[in-house]
Amino acid sequence: MKSMMLIATLLISFAGLVQAGAGHELKPMHGGVIVEAKDIDVELVTKPDSLSLYLTDHGKPIPPDGGTAKLTVLIGSEKKDFELLPNEGKLEVKGNFAIPKGAKAIAVIKIKAKVITARFNL
């Protein structure tokens, strides 16, 4: 009986270690909102003159060369779509943007043969 308790305790201990090591802390590196999608960290930065997506894998930037992204921003019942293209290490669109707090955004990113969907609460 004691050996069964010891085995159960060890299994529970190892399961906790595996789960603790699986994730990582998400910290925005560019002042935006960051989420994890398909093991890729996606950071959305909204500024009055640009919308940018930065992609990283365990802190290493992923070059967006040849990639594109469609960003859909939902502000209340209003929906706006934007096409982001590679620009200096990020996917970006320039323009005049007013994205209020409380808006939601969905990015569909196509890089090489991979499609990543990320959802943001702004």
PDB file of N, CA and C in Angstrom:
ATOM      1  N   MET A   1       0.820  -1.195   0.000  1.00  0.00           N
ATOM      2  CA  MET A   1       0.000   0.000   0.000  1.00  0.00           C
ATOM      3  C   MET A   1       0.866   1.262   0.000  1.00  0.00           C
ATOM      4  N   LYS A   2       1.959   1.215   0.802  1.00  0.00           N
ATOM      5  CA  LYS A   2       2.841   2.377   0.857  1.00  0.00           C
ATOM      6  C   LYS A   2       3.528   2.605  -0.490  1.00  0.00           C
ATOM      7  N   SER A   3       3.884   1.526  -1.168  1.00  0.00           N
ATOM      8  CA  SER A   3       4.544   1.678  -2.463  1.00  0.00           C
ATOM      9  C   SER A   3       3.588   2.295  -3.487  1.00  0.00           C
ATOM     10  N   MET A   4       2.311   1.964  -3.420  1.00  0.00           N
ATOM     11  CA  MET A   4       1.323   2.560  -4.325  1.00  0.00           C
ATOM     12  C   MET A   4       1.193   4.063  -4.068  1.00  0.00           C
ATOM     13  N   MET A   5       1.211   4.460  -2.799  1.00  0.00           N
ATOM     14  CA  MET A   5       1.121   5.881  -2.442  1.00  0.00           C
ATOM     15  C   MET A   5       2.362   6.613  -2.939  1.00  0.00           C
ATOM     16  N   LEU A   6       3.522   5.994  -2.803  1.00  0.00           N
ATOM     17  CA  LEU A   6       4.775   6.597  -3.247  1.00  0.00           C
ATOM     18  C   LEU A   6       4.772   6.782  -4.766  1.00  0.00           C
ATOM     19  N   ILE A   7       4.330   5.792  -5.492  1.00  0.00           N
ATOM     20  CA  ILE A   7       4.262   5.871  -6.954  1.00  0.00           C
ATOM     21  C   ILE A   7       3.284   6.966  -7.375  1.00  0.00           C
ATOM     22  N   ALA A   8       2.128   7.017  -6.740  1.00  0.00           N
ATOM     23  CA  ALA A   8       1.130   8.045  -7.075  1.00  0.00           C
ATOM     24  C   ALA A   8       1.686   9.444  -6.800  1.00  0.00           C
ATOM     25  N   THR A   9       2.378   9.593  -5.668  1.00  0.00           N
ATOM     26  CA  THR A   9       2.968  10.895  -5.326  1.00  0.00           C
ATOM     27  C   THR A   9       4.015  11.297  -6.353  1.00  0.00           C
ATOM     28  N   LEU A  10       4.860  10.381  -6.782  1.00  0.00           N
ATOM     29  CA  LEU A  10       5.882  10.671  -7.775  1.00  0.00           C
ATOM     30  C   LEU A  10       5.265  11.045  -9.116  1.00  0.00           C
ATOM     31  N   LEU A  11       4.239  10.325  -9.532  1.00  0.00           N
ATOM     32  CA  LEU A  11       3.579  10.634 -10.803  1.00  0.00           C
ATOM     33  C   LEU A  11       2.964  12.031 -10.791  1.00  0.00           C
ATOM     34  N   ILE A  12       2.330  12.386  -9.692  1.00  0.00           N
ATOM     35  CA  ILE A  12       1.725  13.716  -9.578  1.00  0.00           C
ATOM     36  C   ILE A  12       2.813  14.786  -9.602  1.00  0.00           C
ATOM     37  N   SER A  13       3.937  14.533  -8.933  1.00  0.00           N
ATOM     38  CA  SER A  13       5.046  15.496  -8.914  1.00  0.00           C
ATOM     39  C   SER A  13       5.598  15.718 -10.312  1.00  0.00           C
ATOM     40  N   PHE A  14       5.824  14.646 -11.065  1.00  0.00           N
ATOM     41  CA  PHE A  14       6.360  14.776 -12.423  1.00  0.00           C
ATOM     42  C   PHE A  14       5.373  15.452 -13.353  1.00  0.00           C
ATOM     43  N   ALA A  15       4.109  15.184 -13.201  1.00  0.00           N
ATOM     44  CA  ALA A  15       3.093  15.820 -14.049  1.00  0.00           C
ATOM     45  C   ALA A  15       3.106  17.329 -13.829  1.00  0.00           C
ATOM     46  N   GLY A  16       3.279  17.767 -12.604  1.00  0.00           N
ATOM     47  CA  GLY A  16       3.356  19.194 -12.321  1.00  0.00           C
ATOM     48  C   GLY A  16       4.573  19.829 -12.963  1.00  0.00           C
ATOM     49  N   LEU A  17       5.716  19.146 -12.960  1.00  0.00           N
ATOM     50  CA  LEU A  17       6.927  19.683 -13.576  1.00  0.00           C
ATOM     51  C   LEU A  17       6.773  19.812 -15.081  1.00  0.00           C
ATOM     52  N   VAL A  18       6.170  18.816 -15.699  1.00  0.00           N
ATOM     53  CA  VAL A  18       5.977  18.849 -17.147  1.00  0.00           C
ATOM     54  C   VAL A  18       5.073  20.013 -17.527  1.00  0.00           C
ATOM     55  N   GLN A  19       3.983  20.201 -16.799  1.00  0.00           N
ATOM     56  CA  GLN A  19       3.060  21.275 -17.120  1.00  0.00           C
ATOM     57  C   GLN A  19       3.701  22.636 -16.875  1.00  0.00           C
ATOM     58  N   ALA A  20       4.491  22.791 -15.820  1.00  0.00           N
ATOM     59  CA  ALA A  20       5.118  24.075 -15.525  1.00  0.00           C
ATOM     60  C   ALA A  20       6.123  24.455 -16.606  1.00  0.00           C
ATOM     61  N   GLY A  21       6.784  23.490 -17.199  1.00  0.00           N
ATOM     62  CA  GLY A  21       7.775  23.791 -18.222  1.00  0.00           C
ATOM     63  C   GLY A  21       7.182  23.985 -19.603  1.00  0.00           C
ATOM     64  N   ALA A  22       5.931  23.649 -19.800  1.00  0.00           N
ATOM     65  CA  ALA A  22       5.340  23.695 -21.131  1.00  0.00           C
ATOM     66  C   ALA A  22       5.094  25.115 -21.622  1.00  0.00           C
ATOM     67  N   GLY A  23       4.663  26.003 -20.759  1.00  0.00           N
ATOM     68  CA  GLY A  23       4.348  27.359 -21.194  1.00  0.00           C
ATOM     69  C   GLY A  23       5.499  28.310 -20.933  1.00  0.00           C
ATOM     70  N   HIS A  24       5.307  29.552 -21.353  1.00  0.00           N
ATOM     71  CA  HIS A  24       6.279  30.593 -21.053  1.00  0.00           C
ATOM     72  C   HIS A  24       5.535  31.905 -20.878  1.00  0.00           C
ATOM     73  N   GLU A  25       6.165  32.824 -20.193  1.00  0.00           N
ATOM     74  CA  GLU A  25       5.521  34.099 -19.929  1.00  0.00           C
ATOM     75  C   GLU A  25       5.527  34.954 -21.187  1.00  0.00           C
ATOM     76  N   LEU A  26       4.392  35.524 -21.501  1.00  0.00           N
ATOM     77  CA  LEU A  26       4.267  36.376 -22.684  1.00  0.00           C
ATOM     78  C   LEU A  26       4.485  37.831 -22.268  1.00  0.00           C
ATOM     79  N   LYS A  27       5.543  38.431 -22.781  1.00  0.00           N
ATOM     80  CA  LYS A  27       5.840  39.833 -22.496  1.00  0.00           C
ATOM     81  C   LYS A  27       5.924  40.589 -23.811  1.00  0.00           C
ATOM     82  N   PRO A  28       5.090  41.616 -23.984  1.00  0.00           N
ATOM     83  CA  PRO A  28       5.181  42.412 -25.208  1.00  0.00           C
ATOM     84  C   PRO A  28       6.545  43.102 -25.291  1.00  0.00           C
ATOM     85  N   MET A  29       7.178  43.026 -26.442  1.00  0.00           N
ATOM     86  CA  MET A  29       8.494  43.629 -26.637  1.00  0.00           C
ATOM     87  C   MET A  29       8.390  44.975 -27.353  1.00  0.00           C
ATOM     88  N   HIS A  30       7.217  45.302 -27.884  1.00  0.00           N
ATOM     89  CA  HIS A  30       7.066  46.524 -28.677  1.00  0.00           C
ATOM     90  C   HIS A  30       5.920  47.402 -28.169  1.00  0.00           C
ATOM     91  N   GLY A  31       5.448  47.119 -26.953  1.00  0.00           N
ATOM     92  CA  GLY A  31       4.393  47.940 -26.365  1.00  0.00           C
ATOM     93  C   GLY A  31       2.994  47.602 -26.804  1.00  0.00           C
ATOM     94  N   GLY A  32       2.799  46.420 -27.380  1.00  0.00           N
ATOM     95  CA  GLY A  32       1.477  46.032 -27.871  1.00  0.00           C
ATOM     96  C   GLY A  32       0.808  44.997 -26.990  1.00  0.00           C
ATOM     97  N   VAL A  33      -0.102  44.257 -27.596  1.00  0.00           N
ATOM     98  CA  VAL A  33      -0.826  43.165 -26.951  1.00  0.00           C
ATOM     99  C   VAL A  33      -0.305  41.880 -27.566  1.00  0.00           C
ATOM    100  N   ILE A  34       0.045  40.901 -26.714  1.00  0.00           N
ATOM    101  CA  ILE A  34       0.663  39.682 -27.221  1.00  0.00           C
ATOM    102  C   ILE A  34      -0.177  38.462 -26.867  1.00  0.00           C
ATOM    103  N   VAL A  35      -0.259  37.528 -27.820  1.00  0.00           N
ATOM    104  CA  VAL A  35      -0.928  36.242 -27.614  1.00  0.00           C
ATOM    105  C   VAL A  35      -0.058  35.151 -28.218  1.00  0.00           C
ATOM    106  N   GLU A  36      -0.324  33.926 -27.799  1.00  0.00           N
ATOM    107  CA  GLU A  36       0.379  32.782 -28.376  1.00  0.00           C
ATOM    108  C   GLU A  36      -0.587  32.019 -29.275  1.00  0.00           C
ATOM    109  N   ALA A  37      -0.130  31.709 -30.492  1.00  0.00           N
ATOM    110  CA  ALA A  37      -0.936  30.953 -31.440  1.00  0.00           C
ATOM    111  C   ALA A  37      -0.029  29.979 -32.175  1.00  0.00           C
ATOM    112  N   LYS A  38      -0.332  28.690 -32.096  1.00  0.00           N
ATOM    113  CA  LYS A  38       0.459  27.644 -32.751  1.00  0.00           C
ATOM    114  C   LYS A  38       1.940  27.755 -32.391  1.00  0.00           C
ATOM    115  N   ASP A  39       2.233  27.924 -31.100  1.00  0.00           N
ATOM    116  CA  ASP A  39       3.600  28.024 -30.577  1.00  0.00           C
ATOM    117  C   ASP A  39       4.359  29.243 -31.092  1.00  0.00           C
ATOM    118  N   ILE A  40       3.663  30.222 -31.637  1.00  0.00           N
ATOM    119  CA  ILE A  40       4.265  31.470 -32.106  1.00  0.00           C
ATOM    120  C   ILE A  40       3.683  32.602 -31.262  1.00  0.00           C
ATOM    121  N   ASP A  41       4.538  33.499 -30.787  1.00  0.00           N
ATOM    122  CA  ASP A  41       4.067  34.681 -30.080  1.00  0.00           C
ATOM    123  C   ASP A  41       3.765  35.761 -31.110  1.00  0.00           C
ATOM    124  N   VAL A  42       2.561  36.297 -31.055  1.00  0.00           N
ATOM    125  CA  VAL A  42       2.115  37.315 -32.008  1.00  0.00           C
ATOM    126  C   VAL A  42       1.780  38.573 -31.205  1.00  0.00           C
ATOM    127  N   GLU A  43       2.476  39.667 -31.523  1.00  0.00           N
ATOM    128  CA  GLU A  43       2.247  40.931 -30.831  1.00  0.00           C
ATOM    129  C   GLU A  43       1.634  41.936 -31.807  1.00  0.00           C
ATOM    130  N   LEU A  44       0.494  42.479 -31.421  1.00  0.00           N
ATOM    131  CA  LEU A  44      -0.182  43.501 -32.216  1.00  0.00           C
ATOM    132  C   LEU A  44       0.073  44.861 -31.584  1.00  0.00           C
ATOM    133  N   VAL A  45       0.644  45.759 -32.371  1.00  0.00           N
ATOM    134  CA  VAL A  45       0.918  47.121 -31.915  1.00  0.00           C
ATOM    135  C   VAL A  45       0.039  48.067 -32.726  1.00  0.00           C
ATOM    136  N   THR A  46      -0.821  48.795 -32.029  1.00  0.00           N
ATOM    137  CA  THR A  46      -1.700  49.769 -32.697  1.00  0.00           C
ATOM    138  C   THR A  46      -1.208  51.164 -32.359  1.00  0.00           C
ATOM    139  N   LYS A  47      -0.939  51.939 -33.388  1.00  0.00           N
ATOM    140  CA  LYS A  47      -0.542  53.339 -33.247  1.00  0.00           C
ATOM    141  C   LYS A  47      -1.464  54.169 -34.134  1.00  0.00           C
ATOM    142  N   PRO A  48      -1.532  55.475 -33.898  1.00  0.00           N
ATOM    143  CA  PRO A  48      -2.412  56.305 -34.726  1.00  0.00           C
ATOM    144  C   PRO A  48      -2.070  56.259 -36.220  1.00  0.00           C
ATOM    145  N   ASP A  49      -0.788  55.953 -36.555  1.00  0.00           N
ATOM    146  CA  ASP A  49      -0.382  55.964 -37.967  1.00  0.00           C
ATOM    147  C   ASP A  49      -0.008  54.591 -38.524  1.00  0.00           C
ATOM    148  N   SER A  50      -0.114  53.513 -37.701  1.00  0.00           N
ATOM    149  CA  SER A  50       0.240  52.182 -38.208  1.00  0.00           C
ATOM    150  C   SER A  50      -0.356  51.073 -37.341  1.00  0.00           C
ATOM    151  N   LEU A  51      -0.522  49.921 -37.970  1.00  0.00           N
ATOM    152  CA  LEU A  51      -0.884  48.677 -37.292  1.00  0.00           C
ATOM    153  C   LEU A  51       0.216  47.682 -37.633  1.00  0.00           C
ATOM    154  N   SER A  52       0.820  47.057 -36.611  1.00  0.00           N
ATOM    155  CA  SER A  52       1.961  46.165 -36.837  1.00  0.00           C
ATOM    156  C   SER A  52       1.782  44.849 -36.102  1.00  0.00           C
ATOM    157  N   LEU A  53       2.268  43.777 -36.726  1.00  0.00           N
ATOM    158  CA  LEU A  53       2.313  42.455 -36.108  1.00  0.00           C
ATOM    159  C   LEU A  53       3.769  41.997 -36.060  1.00  0.00           C
ATOM    160  N   TYR A  54       4.223  41.648 -34.871  1.00  0.00           N
ATOM    161  CA  TYR A  54       5.563  41.105 -34.671  1.00  0.00           C
ATOM    162  C   TYR A  54       5.418  39.632 -34.310  1.00  0.00           C
ATOM    163  N   LEU A  55       6.226  38.776 -34.914  1.00  0.00           N
ATOM    164  CA  LEU A  55       6.167  37.336 -34.678  1.00  0.00           C
ATOM    165  C   LEU A  55       7.480  36.875 -34.060  1.00  0.00           C
ATOM    166  N   THR A  56       7.382  36.087 -32.987  1.00  0.00           N
ATOM    167  CA  THR A  56       8.579  35.527 -32.367  1.00  0.00           C
ATOM    168  C   THR A  56       8.334  34.075 -31.987  1.00  0.00           C
ATOM    169  N   ASP A  57       9.414  33.332 -31.930  1.00  0.00           N
ATOM    170  CA  ASP A  57       9.398  31.938 -31.492  1.00  0.00           C
ATOM    171  C   ASP A  57      10.390  31.829 -30.356  1.00  0.00           C
ATOM    172  N   HIS A  58       9.881  31.722 -29.121  1.00  0.00           N
ATOM    173  CA  HIS A  58      10.720  31.668 -27.923  1.00  0.00           C
ATOM    174  C   HIS A  58      11.686  32.850 -27.870  1.00  0.00           C
ATOM    175  N   GLY A  59      11.185  34.037 -28.171  1.00  0.00           N
ATOM    176  CA  GLY A  59      11.983  35.251 -28.095  1.00  0.00           C
ATOM    177  C   GLY A  59      12.789  35.580 -29.338  1.00  0.00           C
ATOM    178  N   LYS A  60      12.854  34.659 -30.290  1.00  0.00           N
ATOM    179  CA  LYS A  60      13.607  34.905 -31.521  1.00  0.00           C
ATOM    180  C   LYS A  60      12.651  35.433 -32.590  1.00  0.00           C
ATOM    181  N   PRO A  61      12.969  36.594 -33.186  1.00  0.00           N
ATOM    182  CA  PRO A  61      12.088  37.136 -34.227  1.00  0.00           C
ATOM    183  C   PRO A  61      11.955  36.193 -35.418  1.00  0.00           C
ATOM    184  N   ILE A  62      10.759  36.117 -35.952  1.00  0.00           N
ATOM    185  CA  ILE A  62      10.495  35.342 -37.166  1.00  0.00           C
ATOM    186  C   ILE A  62      10.364  36.344 -38.306  1.00  0.00           C
ATOM    187  N   PRO A  63      11.248  36.298 -39.293  1.00  0.00           N
ATOM    188  CA  PRO A  63      11.137  37.246 -40.404  1.00  0.00           C
ATOM    189  C   PRO A  63       9.868  36.967 -41.215  1.00  0.00           C
ATOM    190  N   PRO A  64       9.102  38.010 -41.503  1.00  0.00           N
ATOM    191  CA  PRO A  64       7.838  37.816 -42.224  1.00  0.00           C
ATOM    192  C   PRO A  64       8.001  37.835 -43.741  1.00  0.00           C
ATOM    193  N   ASP A  65       9.217  37.649 -44.233  1.00  0.00           N
ATOM    194  CA  ASP A  65       9.487  37.729 -45.672  1.00  0.00           C
ATOM    195  C   ASP A  65       8.520  36.872 -46.474  1.00  0.00           C
ATOM    196  N   GLY A  66       7.858  37.497 -47.433  1.00  0.00           N
ATOM    197  CA  GLY A  66       6.916  36.789 -48.294  1.00  0.00           C
ATOM    198  C   GLY A  66       5.582  36.516 -47.645  1.00  0.00           C
ATOM    199  N   GLY A  67       5.410  36.904 -46.388  1.00  0.00           N
ATOM    200  CA  GLY A  67       4.155  36.650 -45.692  1.00  0.00           C
ATOM    201  C   GLY A  67       3.170  37.796 -45.838  1.00  0.00           C
ATOM    202  N   THR A  68       1.946  37.530 -45.441  1.00  0.00           N
ATOM    203  CA  THR A  68       0.899  38.547 -45.418  1.00  0.00           C
ATOM    204  C   THR A  68       0.026  38.291 -44.196  1.00  0.00           C
ATOM    205  N   ALA A  69      -0.766  39.284 -43.859  1.00  0.00           N
ATOM    206  CA  ALA A  69      -1.726  39.106 -42.771  1.00  0.00           C
ATOM    207  C   ALA A  69      -2.975  39.918 -43.080  1.00  0.00           C
ATOM    208  N   LYS A  70      -4.113  39.362 -42.705  1.00  0.00           N
ATOM    209  CA  LYS A  70      -5.374  40.093 -42.765  1.00  0.00           C
ATOM    210  C   LYS A  70      -5.777  40.334 -41.318  1.00  0.00           C
ATOM    211  N   LEU A  71      -5.926  41.601 -40.975  1.00  0.00           N
ATOM    212  CA  LEU A  71      -6.316  41.977 -39.624  1.00  0.00           C
ATOM    213  C   LEU A  71      -7.736  42.506 -39.668  1.00  0.00           C
ATOM    214  N   THR A  72      -8.620  41.887 -38.897  1.00  0.00           N
ATOM    215  CA  THR A  72      -9.996  42.339 -38.781  1.00  0.00           C
ATOM    216  C   THR A  72     -10.164  42.933 -37.394  1.00  0.00           C
ATOM    217  N   VAL A  73     -10.555  44.199 -37.348  1.00  0.00           N
ATOM    218  CA  VAL A  73     -10.760  44.896 -36.080  1.00  0.00           C
ATOM    219  C   VAL A  73     -12.258  45.083 -35.875  1.00  0.00           C
ATOM    220  N   LEU A  74     -12.746  44.677 -34.700  1.00  0.00           N
ATOM    221  CA  LEU A  74     -14.161  44.795 -34.350  1.00  0.00           C
ATOM    222  C   LEU A  74     -14.310  45.858 -33.271  1.00  0.00           C
ATOM    223  N   ILE A  75     -14.997  46.939 -33.622  1.00  0.00           N
ATOM    224  CA  ILE A  75     -15.253  48.032 -32.683  1.00  0.00           C
ATOM    225  C   ILE A  75     -16.767  48.111 -32.537  1.00  0.00           C
ATOM    226  N   GLY A  76     -17.263  47.546 -31.441  1.00  0.00           N
ATOM    227  CA  GLY A  76     -18.723  47.447 -31.277  1.00  0.00           C
ATOM    228  C   GLY A  76     -19.286  46.572 -32.380  1.00  0.00           C
ATOM    229  N   SER A  77     -20.223  47.099 -33.161  1.00  0.00           N
ATOM    230  CA  SER A  77     -20.801  46.330 -34.268  1.00  0.00           C
ATOM    231  C   SER A  77     -20.108  46.653 -35.596  1.00  0.00           C
ATOM    232  N   GLU A  78     -19.127  47.538 -35.560  1.00  0.00           N
ATOM    233  CA  GLU A  78     -18.395  47.925 -36.769  1.00  0.00           C
ATOM    234  C   GLU A  78     -17.213  46.991 -37.004  1.00  0.00           C
ATOM    235  N   LYS A  79     -16.978  46.642 -38.264  1.00  0.00           N
ATOM    236  CA  LYS A  79     -15.899  45.724 -38.635  1.00  0.00           C
ATOM    237  C   LYS A  79     -15.029  46.397 -39.697  1.00  0.00           C
ATOM    238  N   LYS A  80     -13.702  46.387 -39.466  1.00  0.00           N
ATOM    239  CA  LYS A  80     -12.766  46.955 -40.433  1.00  0.00           C
ATOM    240  C   LYS A  80     -11.689  45.919 -40.745  1.00  0.00           C
ATOM    241  N   ASP A  81     -11.370  45.762 -42.037  1.00  0.00           N
ATOM    242  CA  ASP A  81     -10.344  44.814 -42.469  1.00  0.00           C
ATOM    243  C   ASP A  81      -9.131  45.574 -43.000  1.00  0.00           C
ATOM    244  N   PHE A  82      -7.945  45.039 -42.680  1.00  0.00           N
ATOM    245  CA  PHE A  82      -6.690  45.642 -43.121  1.00  0.00           C
ATOM    246  C   PHE A  82      -5.762  44.553 -43.633  1.00  0.00           C
ATOM    247  N   GLU A  83      -5.016  44.851 -44.681  1.00  0.00           N
ATOM    248  CA  GLU A  83      -4.018  43.932 -45.243  1.00  0.00           C
ATOM    249  C   GLU A  83      -2.641  44.410 -44.782  1.00  0.00           C
ATOM    250  N   LEU A  84      -1.911  43.558 -44.065  1.00  0.00           N
ATOM    251  CA  LEU A  84      -0.581  43.898 -43.576  1.00  0.00           C
ATOM    252  C   LEU A  84       0.463  43.175 -44.416  1.00  0.00           C
ATOM    253  N   LEU A  85       1.531  43.894 -44.756  1.00  0.00           N
ATOM    254  CA  LEU A  85       2.609  43.357 -45.586  1.00  0.00           C
ATOM    255  C   LEU A  85       3.942  43.480 -44.854  1.00  0.00           C
ATOM    256  N   PRO A  86       4.951  42.690 -45.255  1.00  0.00           N
ATOM    257  CA  PRO A  86       6.255  42.762 -44.591  1.00  0.00           C
ATOM    258  C   PRO A  86       6.885  44.150 -44.710  1.00  0.00           C
ATOM    259  N   ASN A  87       7.449  44.614 -43.580  1.00  0.00           N
ATOM    260  CA  ASN A  87       8.135  45.897 -43.545  1.00  0.00           C
ATOM    261  C   ASN A  87       9.106  45.906 -42.362  1.00  0.00           C
ATOM    262  N   GLU A  88      10.389  45.803 -42.643  1.00  0.00           N
ATOM    263  CA  GLU A  88      11.442  45.892 -41.630  1.00  0.00           C
ATOM    264  C   GLU A  88      11.220  44.953 -40.443  1.00  0.00           C
ATOM    265  N   GLY A  89      11.034  43.675 -40.711  1.00  0.00           N
ATOM    266  CA  GLY A  89      10.938  42.680 -39.649  1.00  0.00           C
ATOM    267  C   GLY A  89       9.570  42.502 -39.023  1.00  0.00           C
ATOM    268  N   LYS A  90       8.566  43.118 -39.597  1.00  0.00           N
ATOM    269  CA  LYS A  90       7.208  42.980 -39.068  1.00  0.00           C
ATOM    270  C   LYS A  90       6.222  43.032 -40.228  1.00  0.00           C
ATOM    271  N   LEU A  91       4.975  42.684 -39.941  1.00  0.00           N
ATOM    272  CA  LEU A  91       3.895  42.862 -40.909  1.00  0.00           C
ATOM    273  C   LEU A  91       3.200  44.157 -40.526  1.00  0.00           C
ATOM    274  N   GLU A  92       2.958  45.043 -41.506  1.00  0.00           N
ATOM    275  CA  GLU A  92       2.497  46.373 -41.144  1.00  0.00           C
ATOM    276  C   GLU A  92       1.633  46.994 -42.234  1.00  0.00           C
ATOM    277  N   VAL A  93       0.749  47.891 -41.799  1.00  0.00           N
ATOM    278  CA  VAL A  93      -0.007  48.750 -42.706  1.00  0.00           C
ATOM    279  C   VAL A  93       0.065  50.158 -42.119  1.00  0.00           C
ATOM    280  N   LYS A  94       0.293  51.115 -42.994  1.00  0.00           N
ATOM    281  CA  LYS A  94       0.354  52.528 -42.577  1.00  0.00           C
ATOM    282  C   LYS A  94      -0.963  53.198 -42.938  1.00  0.00           C
ATOM    283  N   GLY A  95      -1.331  54.205 -42.175  1.00  0.00           N
ATOM    284  CA  GLY A  95      -2.557  54.934 -42.441  1.00  0.00           C
ATOM    285  C   GLY A  95      -2.946  55.779 -41.251  1.00  0.00           C
ATOM    286  N   ASN A  96      -4.236  56.019 -41.121  1.00  0.00           N
ATOM    287  CA  ASN A  96      -4.774  56.800 -40.021  1.00  0.00           C
ATOM    288  C   ASN A  96      -5.753  55.896 -39.278  1.00  0.00           C
ATOM    289  N   PHE A  97      -5.405  55.513 -38.035  1.00  0.00           N
ATOM    290  CA  PHE A  97      -6.192  54.526 -37.301  1.00  0.00           C
ATOM    291  C   PHE A  97      -6.610  55.070 -35.938  1.00  0.00           C
ATOM    292  N   ALA A  98      -7.830  54.801 -35.556  1.00  0.00           N
ATOM    293  CA  ALA A  98      -8.333  55.135 -34.226  1.00  0.00           C
ATOM    294  C   ALA A  98      -8.923  53.859 -33.645  1.00  0.00           C
ATOM    295  N   ILE A  99      -8.097  53.106 -32.934  1.00  0.00           N
ATOM    296  CA  ILE A  99      -8.538  51.835 -32.344  1.00  0.00           C
ATOM    297  C   ILE A  99      -8.740  52.062 -30.848  1.00  0.00           C
ATOM    298  N   PRO A 100      -9.988  52.086 -30.370  1.00  0.00           N
ATOM    299  CA  PRO A 100     -10.234  52.352 -28.946  1.00  0.00           C
ATOM    300  C   PRO A 100      -9.995  51.123 -28.078  1.00  0.00           C
ATOM    301  N   LYS A 101      -9.807  51.373 -26.785  1.00  0.00           N
ATOM    302  CA  LYS A 101      -9.729  50.260 -25.829  1.00  0.00           C
ATOM    303  C   LYS A 101     -11.058  49.523 -25.857  1.00  0.00           C
ATOM    304  N   GLY A 102     -11.003  48.220 -25.666  1.00  0.00           N
ATOM    305  CA  GLY A 102     -12.207  47.412 -25.698  1.00  0.00           C
ATOM    306  C   GLY A 102     -12.489  46.806 -27.066  1.00  0.00           C
ATOM    307  N   ALA A 103     -11.748  47.260 -28.085  1.00  0.00           N
ATOM    308  CA  ALA A 103     -11.914  46.678 -29.422  1.00  0.00           C
ATOM    309  C   ALA A 103     -11.336  45.262 -29.417  1.00  0.00           C
ATOM    310  N   LYS A 104     -11.743  44.487 -30.381  1.00  0.00           N
ATOM    311  CA  LYS A 104     -11.214  43.122 -30.551  1.00  0.00           C
ATOM    312  C   LYS A 104     -10.619  43.038 -31.945  1.00  0.00           C
ATOM    313  N   ALA A 105      -9.622  42.174 -32.093  1.00  0.00           N
ATOM    314  CA  ALA A 105      -8.986  42.015 -33.401  1.00  0.00           C
ATOM    315  C   ALA A 105      -8.678  40.549 -33.640  1.00  0.00           C
ATOM    316  N   ILE A 106      -8.752  40.163 -34.905  1.00  0.00           N
ATOM    317  CA  ILE A 106      -8.403  38.801 -35.334  1.00  0.00           C
ATOM    318  C   ILE A 106      -7.416  38.938 -36.481  1.00  0.00           C
ATOM    319  N   ALA A 107      -6.267  38.291 -36.336  1.00  0.00           N
ATOM    320  CA  ALA A 107      -5.246  38.316 -37.389  1.00  0.00           C
ATOM    321  C   ALA A 107      -5.125  36.927 -37.990  1.00  0.00           C
ATOM    322  N   VAL A 108      -5.180  36.853 -39.312  1.00  0.00           N
ATOM    323  CA  VAL A 108      -4.916  35.607 -40.034  1.00  0.00           C
ATOM    324  C   VAL A 108      -3.615  35.847 -40.786  1.00  0.00           C
ATOM    325  N   ILE A 109      -2.567  35.166 -40.332  1.00  0.00           N
ATOM    326  CA  ILE A 109      -1.208  35.393 -40.822  1.00  0.00           C
ATOM    327  C   ILE A 109      -0.784  34.209 -41.672  1.00  0.00           C
ATOM    328  N   LYS A 110      -0.253  34.499 -42.861  1.00  0.00           N
ATOM    329  CA  LYS A 110       0.249  33.453 -43.752  1.00  0.00           C
ATOM    330  C   LYS A 110       1.741  33.682 -43.947  1.00  0.00           C
ATOM    331  N   ILE A 111       2.523  32.749 -43.425  1.00  0.00           N
ATOM    332  CA  ILE A 111       3.979  32.815 -43.569  1.00  0.00           C
ATOM    333  C   ILE A 111       4.433  31.455 -44.073  1.00  0.00           C
ATOM    334  N   LYS A 112       5.085  31.459 -45.222  1.00  0.00           N
ATOM    335  CA  LYS A 112       5.512  30.223 -45.883  1.00  0.00           C
ATOM    336  C   LYS A 112       4.299  29.315 -46.029  1.00  0.00           C
ATOM    337  N   ALA A 113       4.350  28.112 -45.526  1.00  0.00           N
ATOM    338  CA  ALA A 113       3.219  27.194 -45.674  1.00  0.00           C
ATOM    339  C   ALA A 113       2.342  27.166 -44.422  1.00  0.00           C
ATOM    340  N   LYS A 114       2.594  28.081 -43.488  1.00  0.00           N
ATOM    341  CA  LYS A 114       1.882  28.076 -42.216  1.00  0.00           C
ATOM    342  C   LYS A 114       0.833  29.182 -42.168  1.00  0.00           C
ATOM    343  N   VAL A 115      -0.333  28.858 -41.622  1.00  0.00           N
ATOM    344  CA  VAL A 115      -1.396  29.844 -41.383  1.00  0.00           C
ATOM    345  C   VAL A 115      -1.627  29.905 -39.885  1.00  0.00           C
ATOM    346  N   ILE A 116      -1.545  31.119 -39.343  1.00  0.00           N
ATOM    347  CA  ILE A 116      -1.688  31.328 -37.903  1.00  0.00           C
ATOM    348  C   ILE A 116      -2.856  32.276 -37.685  1.00  0.00           C
ATOM    349  N   THR A 117      -3.750  31.927 -36.778  1.00  0.00           N
ATOM    350  CA  THR A 117      -4.857  32.802 -36.414  1.00  0.00           C
ATOM    351  C   THR A 117      -4.668  33.233 -34.972  1.00  0.00           C
ATOM    352  N   ALA A 118      -4.659  34.551 -34.755  1.00  0.00           N
ATOM    353  CA  ALA A 118      -4.472  35.096 -33.409  1.00  0.00           C
ATOM    354  C   ALA A 118      -5.625  36.038 -33.091  1.00  0.00           C
ATOM    355  N   ARG A 119      -6.136  35.954 -31.851  1.00  0.00           N
ATOM    356  CA  ARG A 119      -7.233  36.790 -31.412  1.00  0.00           C
ATOM    357  C   ARG A 119      -6.745  37.710 -30.285  1.00  0.00           C
ATOM    358  N   PHE A 120      -7.130  38.989 -30.379  1.00  0.00           N
ATOM    359  CA  PHE A 120      -6.663  39.994 -29.434  1.00  0.00           C
ATOM    360  C   PHE A 120      -7.823  40.732 -28.800  1.00  0.00           C
ATOM    361  N   ASN A 121      -7.702  41.049 -27.521  1.00  0.00           N
ATOM    362  CA  ASN A 121      -8.603  41.965 -26.814  1.00  0.00           C
ATOM    363  C   ASN A 121      -7.781  43.216 -26.548  1.00  0.00           C
ATOM    364  N   LEU A 122      -8.173  44.314 -27.167  1.00  0.00           N
ATOM    365  CA  LEU A 122      -7.379  45.542 -27.056  1.00  0.00           C
ATOM    366  C   LEU A 122      -7.870  46.439 -25.934  1.00  0.00           C
TER     367      LEU A 122
END
